[in-house]
Amino acid sequence: MDWKLLFSTFALVFLAELGDKTQLTALAASAGSKSPWSVFIGASLALVVSTLIATLVGSALKSVLPEKVIKIAAAVLFLVFGGILLYTTLAGKEGIIKAAPADTEWKPGTVERFALRLALEFEKSSVSDYENFACTFENESVCAVFRELADDELRHHRELEELAGAEKQELPEKAEGLPEGYPNAHPGSVGIDSVSDLTEVIERAIAHENDAVEFYRSLAKHTPLPKLASAFGSLADREFAHMEKLKKLREQIV
């Protein structure tokens, strides 16, 4: 056993593999796996087998070709593969694993633009209702909660306006061929303008927020465009937080 050769080979291969595609692939696989040891064993075996093949081929070639020729050929192959990798990267070519669509892609179709119209109208209605009602009753807790809800709904409306962007003026009032289960209307206003009983107001607001959660979850589930579906899912979570806040307010009032 040539220990000097063993340690020098270990050092060279170890340093060469740092940041290599193999290491990054193992890192990504381990991050998305519940069994990192399986990834470690699989990657180790793959590296051992590929190294074994390289060693056997190198030993066989040594008996046929001069060592200098083998080293030159290895260097040329290294440069060739490096050049191919550089070319495919700069040219934007797809390899075996296709690149995921850019997150910045934003081309809403009829269904998505119709969904944006529904959501914008719904948030605008909610803002108006909560702002008008905020301090109708002489109760600081109620006033604070409803003002906060109004501010949040206004923030939601602005976020949806940003998503709509230039498409805002072309949002359709109706859409044909909606996916099965897709909302064709928003839940409507809170419906508390004519209510004088504080407990009933809070109950209606809770029901409204529950409808909002279901509305956005349905949009998120059936909207084809991932970016918009994700935004609707986020809005559903925030409306759910509103509902929980109103439930706590109800406990305080009762």
Protein backbone atom coordinates (compact mmCIF):
# COMPACT_ATOMS: atom_id res chain seq x y z
CA MET A 1 0.00 0.00 0.00
CA ASP A 2 1.44 3.36 -1.06
CA TRP A 3 0.21 5.57 1.79
CA LYS A 4 1.66 8.72 0.30
CA LEU A 5 -0.22 8.10 -2.95
CA LEU A 6 -3.39 7.24 -0.99
CA PHE A 7 -3.40 10.48 0.99
CA SER A 8 -2.44 12.65 -1.98
CA THR A 9 -5.25 11.10 -4.05
CA PHE A 10 -7.72 11.61 -1.20
CA ALA A 11 -6.70 15.26 -0.87
CA LEU A 12 -6.94 15.95 -4.61
CA VAL A 13 -10.32 14.26 -5.06
CA PHE A 14 -11.76 15.78 -1.89
CA LEU A 15 -10.76 19.31 -2.91
CA ALA A 16 -11.93 18.75 -6.49
CA GLU A 17 -15.37 17.59 -5.30
CA LEU A 18 -15.98 20.60 -3.03
CA GLY A 19 -18.73 22.63 -4.68
CA ASP A 20 -18.90 20.07 -7.49
CA LYS A 21 -22.26 19.20 -9.12
CA THR A 22 -22.17 15.84 -7.36
CA GLN A 23 -21.92 17.46 -3.95
CA LEU A 24 -24.60 20.04 -4.76
CA THR A 25 -26.90 17.29 -6.05
CA ALA A 26 -26.44 15.34 -2.81
CA LEU A 27 -27.06 18.52 -0.81
CA ALA A 28 -30.33 19.23 -2.65
CA ALA A 29 -31.50 15.62 -2.38
CA SER A 30 -30.75 15.54 1.35
CA ALA A 31 -32.53 18.86 1.96
CA GLY A 32 -35.71 17.55 0.35
CA SER A 33 -35.58 14.10 1.93
CA LYS A 34 -36.70 12.64 5.24
CA SER A 35 -33.85 10.12 5.11
CA PRO A 36 -30.48 11.90 4.68
CA TRP A 37 -28.59 8.68 5.42
CA SER A 38 -30.18 7.06 2.37
CA VAL A 39 -28.93 9.97 0.29
CA PHE A 40 -25.45 9.61 1.84
CA ILE A 41 -25.26 5.87 1.13
CA GLY A 42 -26.61 6.25 -2.40
CA ALA A 43 -24.24 9.11 -3.26
CA SER A 44 -21.28 7.29 -1.69
CA LEU A 45 -21.97 4.08 -3.63
CA ALA A 46 -22.37 6.04 -6.86
CA LEU A 47 -19.06 7.82 -6.29
CA VAL A 48 -17.31 4.56 -5.35
CA VAL A 49 -18.61 2.78 -8.47
CA SER A 50 -17.71 5.67 -10.80
CA THR A 51 -14.24 5.90 -9.21
CA LEU A 52 -13.80 2.12 -9.56
CA ILE A 53 -14.65 2.32 -13.26
CA ALA A 54 -12.24 5.22 -13.75
CA THR A 55 -9.48 3.31 -11.90
CA LEU A 56 -9.99 0.10 -13.90
CA VAL A 57 -10.11 1.97 -17.21
CA GLY A 58 -7.02 3.96 -16.26
CA SER A 59 -5.12 0.76 -15.35
CA ALA A 60 -6.14 -0.87 -18.61
CA LEU A 61 -5.10 2.13 -20.69
CA LYS A 62 -1.75 2.29 -18.91
CA SER A 63 -0.78 -1.03 -20.42
CA VAL A 64 -1.61 0.25 -23.91
CA LEU A 65 -0.79 3.96 -23.90
CA PRO A 66 2.00 6.03 -22.37
CA GLU A 67 1.13 7.79 -19.10
CA LYS A 68 1.73 11.20 -20.68
CA VAL A 69 -0.85 10.55 -23.40
CA ILE A 70 -3.44 9.42 -20.83
CA LYS A 71 -2.93 12.60 -18.79
CA ILE A 72 -3.22 14.80 -21.88
CA ALA A 73 -6.40 12.98 -22.95
CA ALA A 74 -7.89 13.37 -19.45
CA ALA A 75 -7.09 17.10 -19.48
CA VAL A 76 -8.66 17.52 -22.94
CA LEU A 77 -11.83 15.67 -21.86
CA PHE A 78 -12.01 17.84 -18.74
CA LEU A 79 -11.84 20.97 -20.89
CA VAL A 80 -14.39 19.61 -23.38
CA PHE A 81 -16.95 18.77 -20.70
CA GLY A 82 -16.31 22.11 -19.00
CA GLY A 83 -16.84 23.90 -22.32
CA ILE A 84 -20.10 22.02 -22.95
CA LEU A 85 -21.37 22.94 -19.48
CA LEU A 86 -20.41 26.58 -19.99
CA TYR A 87 -22.06 26.68 -23.42
CA THR A 88 -25.33 25.14 -22.27
CA THR A 89 -25.45 27.55 -19.32
CA LEU A 90 -24.82 30.68 -21.41
CA ALA A 91 -27.05 29.55 -24.26
CA GLY A 92 -29.87 28.66 -21.89
CA LYS A 93 -30.12 25.13 -23.18
CA GLU A 94 -32.13 22.64 -21.18
CA GLY A 95 -30.33 19.61 -19.85
CA ILE A 96 -31.83 16.37 -18.63
CA ILE A 97 -33.58 18.26 -15.84
CA LYS A 98 -35.65 21.01 -17.39
CA ALA A 99 -35.48 24.43 -15.85
CA ALA A 100 -38.57 25.46 -13.92
CA PRO A 101 -40.56 28.39 -15.34
CA ALA A 102 -39.32 31.72 -14.11
CA ASP A 103 -41.24 33.00 -11.11
CA THR A 104 -41.43 36.38 -12.81
CA GLU A 105 -43.58 34.97 -15.61
CA TRP A 106 -46.97 36.62 -15.30
CA LYS A 107 -49.43 36.02 -18.10
CA PRO A 108 -52.93 35.85 -16.62
CA GLY A 109 -55.58 34.39 -18.89
CA THR A 110 -59.32 34.98 -18.83
CA VAL A 111 -59.88 32.81 -15.75
CA GLU A 112 -57.12 34.53 -13.77
CA ARG A 113 -58.29 38.03 -14.75
CA PHE A 114 -61.86 37.16 -13.81
CA ALA A 115 -60.62 35.88 -10.43
CA LEU A 116 -58.72 39.14 -9.89
CA ARG A 117 -61.88 41.13 -10.58
CA LEU A 118 -63.85 39.08 -8.04
CA ALA A 119 -61.14 39.45 -5.41
CA LEU A 120 -60.71 43.20 -5.98
CA GLU A 121 -64.45 43.85 -5.72
CA PHE A 122 -64.67 41.69 -2.61
CA GLU A 123 -61.80 43.46 -0.82
CA LYS A 124 -63.11 46.90 -1.79
CA SER A 125 -66.51 46.02 -0.34
CA SER A 126 -64.93 44.71 2.88
CA VAL A 127 -62.81 47.85 3.31
CA SER A 128 -65.85 50.06 2.92
CA ASP A 129 -67.97 48.07 5.38
CA TYR A 130 -65.32 47.88 8.09
CA GLU A 131 -64.34 51.55 7.75
CA ASN A 132 -67.95 52.76 7.93
CA PHE A 133 -68.75 50.59 10.91
CA ALA A 134 -65.46 50.80 12.84
CA CYS A 135 -66.49 53.12 15.64
CA THR A 136 -70.28 53.01 15.47
CA PHE A 137 -70.43 51.52 18.97
CA GLU A 138 -68.74 53.27 21.86
CA ASN A 139 -66.39 50.41 22.55
CA GLU A 140 -62.64 50.92 22.16
CA SER A 141 -61.85 47.23 21.64
CA VAL A 142 -64.45 46.88 18.90
CA CYS A 143 -63.33 50.13 17.27
CA ALA A 144 -59.66 49.04 17.28
CA VAL A 145 -60.37 45.59 15.83
CA PHE A 146 -62.61 46.83 13.03
CA ARG A 147 -60.18 49.61 12.11
CA GLU A 148 -57.40 47.03 11.96
CA LEU A 149 -59.55 44.80 9.75
CA ALA A 150 -60.27 47.75 7.45
CA ASP A 151 -56.56 48.52 7.15
CA ASP A 152 -55.74 44.88 6.42
CA GLU A 153 -58.44 44.59 3.76
CA LEU A 154 -57.15 47.79 2.15
CA ARG A 155 -53.67 46.24 2.11
CA HIS A 156 -55.09 43.13 0.46
CA HIS A 157 -56.78 45.30 -2.17
CA ARG A 158 -53.53 47.10 -2.98
CA GLU A 159 -51.65 43.82 -3.29
CA LEU A 160 -54.27 42.53 -5.71
CA GLU A 161 -54.03 45.77 -7.70
CA GLU A 162 -50.29 45.21 -8.04
CA LEU A 163 -50.93 41.69 -9.31
CA ALA A 164 -53.50 42.98 -11.78
CA GLY A 165 -51.07 45.66 -13.02
CA ALA A 166 -51.66 46.64 -16.63
CA GLU A 167 -54.37 43.99 -16.88
CA LYS A 168 -56.55 45.92 -14.44
CA GLN A 169 -58.47 47.73 -17.19
CA GLU A 170 -59.21 44.45 -18.97
CA LEU A 171 -60.63 42.39 -16.12
CA PRO A 172 -63.72 40.59 -17.46
CA GLU A 173 -67.04 40.80 -15.64
CA LYS A 174 -67.88 37.27 -16.75
CA ALA A 175 -65.87 34.23 -17.79
CA GLU A 176 -67.01 31.26 -19.82
CA GLY A 177 -65.80 27.72 -19.23
CA LEU A 178 -64.70 28.15 -15.64
CA PRO A 179 -63.15 25.04 -14.02
CA GLU A 180 -65.57 22.91 -12.02
CA GLY A 181 -65.94 24.29 -8.51
CA TYR A 182 -64.59 27.73 -9.49
CA PRO A 183 -66.40 30.66 -7.80
CA ASN A 184 -68.46 32.72 -10.24
CA ALA A 185 -69.12 35.46 -7.66
CA HIS A 186 -67.56 36.77 -4.47
CA PRO A 187 -69.27 36.40 -1.04
CA GLY A 188 -70.56 39.98 -1.02
CA SER A 189 -70.44 42.64 1.69
CA VAL A 190 -70.21 42.09 5.43
CA GLY A 191 -73.87 43.09 5.74
CA ILE A 192 -73.65 44.96 9.05
CA ASP A 193 -74.79 48.46 8.02
CA SER A 194 -78.33 48.05 9.32
CA VAL A 195 -77.49 46.01 12.42
CA SER A 196 -77.68 47.73 15.80
CA ASP A 197 -76.83 44.82 18.10
CA LEU A 198 -73.07 44.56 18.72
CA THR A 199 -73.07 40.78 19.23
CA GLU A 200 -74.90 40.23 15.95
CA VAL A 201 -72.46 42.55 14.18
CA ILE A 202 -69.51 40.49 15.35
CA GLU A 203 -71.26 37.25 14.42
CA ARG A 204 -71.91 38.54 10.91
CA ALA A 205 -68.31 39.70 10.60
CA ILE A 206 -67.09 36.24 11.66
CA ALA A 207 -69.40 34.61 9.09
CA HIS A 208 -68.10 37.05 6.48
CA GLU A 209 -64.48 36.18 7.21
CA ASN A 210 -65.32 32.47 7.08
CA ASP A 211 -66.87 33.02 3.64
CA ALA A 212 -63.70 34.90 2.65
CA VAL A 213 -61.52 31.98 3.71
CA GLU A 214 -63.59 29.52 1.66
CA PHE A 215 -63.69 31.93 -1.30
CA TYR A 216 -59.91 32.35 -1.46
CA ARG A 217 -59.22 28.68 -0.81
CA SER A 218 -61.48 27.77 -3.70
CA LEU A 219 -59.75 30.30 -5.97
CA ALA A 220 -56.34 29.00 -4.90
CA LYS A 221 -57.38 25.40 -5.59
CA HIS A 222 -58.81 26.02 -9.04
CA THR A 223 -56.69 28.89 -10.40
CA PRO A 224 -54.31 27.50 -13.06
CA LEU A 225 -51.59 30.15 -12.68
CA PRO A 226 -49.30 29.13 -9.77
CA LYS A 227 -48.30 32.67 -8.83
CA LEU A 228 -51.89 33.83 -8.47
CA ALA A 229 -52.97 30.60 -6.76
CA SER A 230 -50.24 31.16 -4.17
CA ALA A 231 -51.44 34.74 -3.60
CA PHE A 232 -55.02 33.54 -3.06
CA GLY A 233 -53.78 30.90 -0.62
CA SER A 234 -51.98 33.59 1.35
CA LEU A 235 -55.13 35.74 1.43
CA ALA A 236 -57.12 32.75 2.72
CA ASP A 237 -54.67 32.39 5.61
CA ARG A 238 -54.91 36.08 6.47
CA GLU A 239 -58.69 36.08 6.35
CA PHE A 240 -58.62 33.09 8.69
CA ALA A 241 -56.49 35.17 11.09
CA HIS A 242 -59.17 37.88 10.91
CA MET A 243 -61.84 35.35 11.83
CA GLU A 244 -59.83 34.19 14.86
CA LYS A 245 -59.37 37.79 15.96
CA LEU A 246 -63.11 38.41 15.75
CA LYS A 247 -63.79 35.26 17.77
CA LYS A 248 -61.53 36.55 20.54
CA LEU A 249 -63.36 39.89 20.40
CA ARG A 250 -66.67 38.05 20.75
CA GLU A 251 -65.37 36.30 23.89
CA GLN A 252 -64.40 39.66 25.37
CA ILE A 253 -67.79 41.22 24.62
CA VAL A 254 -69.81 38.24 25.86
